[in-house]
Amino acid sequence: MNDALKDKRFLFGFLFLFLFVQFLALIISIYYIPQNIQLTIVNDNPNSVWNAVFIVGYIIFFSLVILILKKFFKKQNYLIVIEFLAFFGGISLIFSLVLPMLLSYIATLYLLLIKYSFRKETIYTKWYNNILLAIAIAGAGSIMGLSLGLVPVIILLLLLAIYDIISVFYTKHMITLANMIIKKKISLIFNYEN
């Protein structure tokens, strides 16, 4: 297969995932807006800038915890626990839109059981993981989006951009984290078979 065709398949694959996440997030948001559901972060005021600051602080803290755990646990199996919790939270949130809470947990556990039963990487397992990750991101992202006002969202994006620049180009710990995830084959990043 020539490189131009591979590039097009890659681009369309990720475009599909992007649109899939946006579509699911819109459905979740439309469902939760009338219920006035919001995640209490620092305080109940969605326009408080401290909510955005806390989220970025939480991301930095969590990154540091993972890097510290890396020093003590060479096999890095704790990444599988983190992956499981991230998937479980986001996916069960989406199932809870149409199912009672207990059934949404059971359905989520079933999907994750399938995921962890097939550890051999194939194009199908990669796409299964990508779809599960897209569902989890849509669930978690929509609730976070409903919990923040416009100014905190702008501040959050600015702080995340600054953090990304520092963590990739200066401290380089984001590269270390990405390499850990890739090496352990954790599905916290989208993966595409070329």
Foldseek 3Di string as FASTA:
>chain_A
DDPVVVVVVVVVVVVVLVVLLVVLLVVLLVLCVVVLAADAQPHQDQADLVSLVSVLVVVVVVLVVLVVVVVVDVLSPVLVVVLLVLLQVQQLQSVVSPDPSVVSNVVSVVLVVVLVVDPDDDQVSLVSLSNSLSSSCSRVVSNNVSSHDDVSVVSNVVSVVVVVCCCCPPVNSVVVVVVVCVVSVRSNDRDHDD
